Protein backbone atom coordinates (compact mmCIF):
# COMPACT_ATOMS: atom_id res chain seq x y z
CA MET A 1 0.00 0.00 0.00
CA ALA A 2 1.36 3.44 -0.94
CA TYR A 3 2.13 5.85 1.88
CA ILE A 4 -0.03 8.99 1.79
CA PRO A 5 1.24 11.89 3.94
CA LYS A 6 -1.13 13.76 6.25
CA PRO A 7 -1.97 17.40 5.47
CA ASN A 8 0.66 19.91 6.68
CA SER A 9 3.37 17.27 6.79
CA CYS A 10 6.12 15.61 4.81
CA THR A 11 7.98 12.33 4.97
CA MET A 12 11.63 12.47 3.98
CA TRP A 13 12.92 9.21 2.48
CA PRO A 14 16.51 8.17 1.74
CA TYR A 15 17.41 9.29 -1.78
CA ASP A 16 18.42 6.06 -3.51
CA TYR A 17 19.82 7.80 -6.60
CA LYS A 18 22.61 9.75 -4.86
CA LYS A 19 25.64 9.62 -7.13
CA ALA A 20 27.49 12.80 -6.07
CA ASP A 21 28.01 14.92 -2.94
CA HIS A 22 25.68 17.64 -4.23
CA HIS A 23 22.75 15.17 -4.46
CA PRO A 24 20.40 15.11 -1.44
CA ASP A 25 20.63 12.45 1.27
CA ILE A 26 16.86 12.42 1.81
CA LYS A 27 13.94 13.70 -0.25
CA GLY A 28 10.17 14.11 0.10
CA ASP A 29 7.12 16.19 -0.83
CA LEU A 30 5.65 18.73 1.58
CA MET A 31 1.84 18.82 1.61
CA ILE A 32 0.49 22.14 2.99
CA GLU A 33 -3.22 22.96 3.13
CA LYS A 34 -4.11 26.20 1.34
CA SER A 35 -5.76 27.56 4.50
CA LEU A 36 -2.53 27.16 6.52
CA LEU A 37 -0.46 28.65 3.71
CA GLN A 38 -2.78 31.65 3.47
CA ALA A 39 -2.69 32.12 7.27
CA LEU A 40 1.11 31.99 7.27
CA ILE A 41 1.33 34.56 4.49
CA SER A 42 -1.22 36.93 6.03
CA LYS A 43 0.33 36.83 9.54
CA SER A 44 3.99 37.04 8.51
CA GLU A 45 6.26 39.56 6.96
CA ASP A 46 8.73 38.81 4.19
CA PRO A 47 10.24 36.20 4.53
CA VAL A 48 7.45 33.96 5.82
CA LYS A 49 8.38 31.99 8.95
CA ILE A 50 7.15 28.38 9.21
CA SER A 51 7.64 26.13 12.24
CA ILE A 52 8.73 22.54 11.55
CA ALA A 53 9.25 19.50 13.75
CA GLY A 54 10.66 16.11 12.75
CA TRP A 55 10.64 12.54 14.03
CA ARG A 56 12.74 9.58 12.87
CA GLN A 57 10.42 6.70 11.98
CA LYS A 58 10.23 3.41 10.17
CA ILE A 59 7.42 3.10 7.62
CA ASN A 60 6.96 -0.13 5.69
CA GLY A 61 10.33 -1.26 7.06
CA LYS A 62 12.18 1.77 5.62
CA ASP A 63 13.86 4.48 7.74
CA CYS A 64 12.52 7.98 7.17
CA VAL A 65 12.01 11.36 8.85
CA TYR A 66 8.42 12.52 9.38
CA VAL A 67 8.11 16.32 9.29
CA GLN A 68 5.14 18.39 10.46
CA VAL A 69 4.62 22.09 9.67
CA SER A 70 2.63 24.68 11.60
CA GLU A 71 2.38 28.37 12.36
CA PRO A 72 5.20 29.61 14.58
CA TYR A 73 4.47 29.74 18.31
CA VAL A 74 3.69 33.23 19.56
CA LYS A 75 3.92 33.72 23.31
CA PRO A 76 0.65 35.19 24.61
CA LYS A 77 0.95 38.72 25.96
CA GLU A 78 0.44 39.05 29.70
CA PRO A 79 -2.45 41.31 30.63
CA GLU A 80 -1.34 44.67 31.93
CA VAL A 81 -2.45 45.57 35.46
CA PRO A 82 -3.37 49.25 35.81
CA ASP A 83 -1.44 51.12 38.54
CA GLU A 84 -4.66 52.21 40.25
CA ASP A 85 -5.52 48.60 41.14
CA VAL A 86 -2.32 48.11 43.20
CA PRO A 87 -3.39 48.20 46.92
CA PHE A 88 -0.55 50.29 48.36
């Protein structure tokens, strides 16, 4: 059965046709949903920042790296406490 990647992910497989140093070691196709791509473009400046995470896995007995993409983490802003509410 053929492996079908999940949306917003990629699986990097060993590149079996490597003949020279400038050829890649691993290769894969990144599948990004249009909605995520549009959100990334609308919320970012140029260049667009994308968060990625990867896990080494074995799929169908073959070593690979599973990669997941998402919007970058943005730390929530702490609410400001007005000076007048401080009891001293």
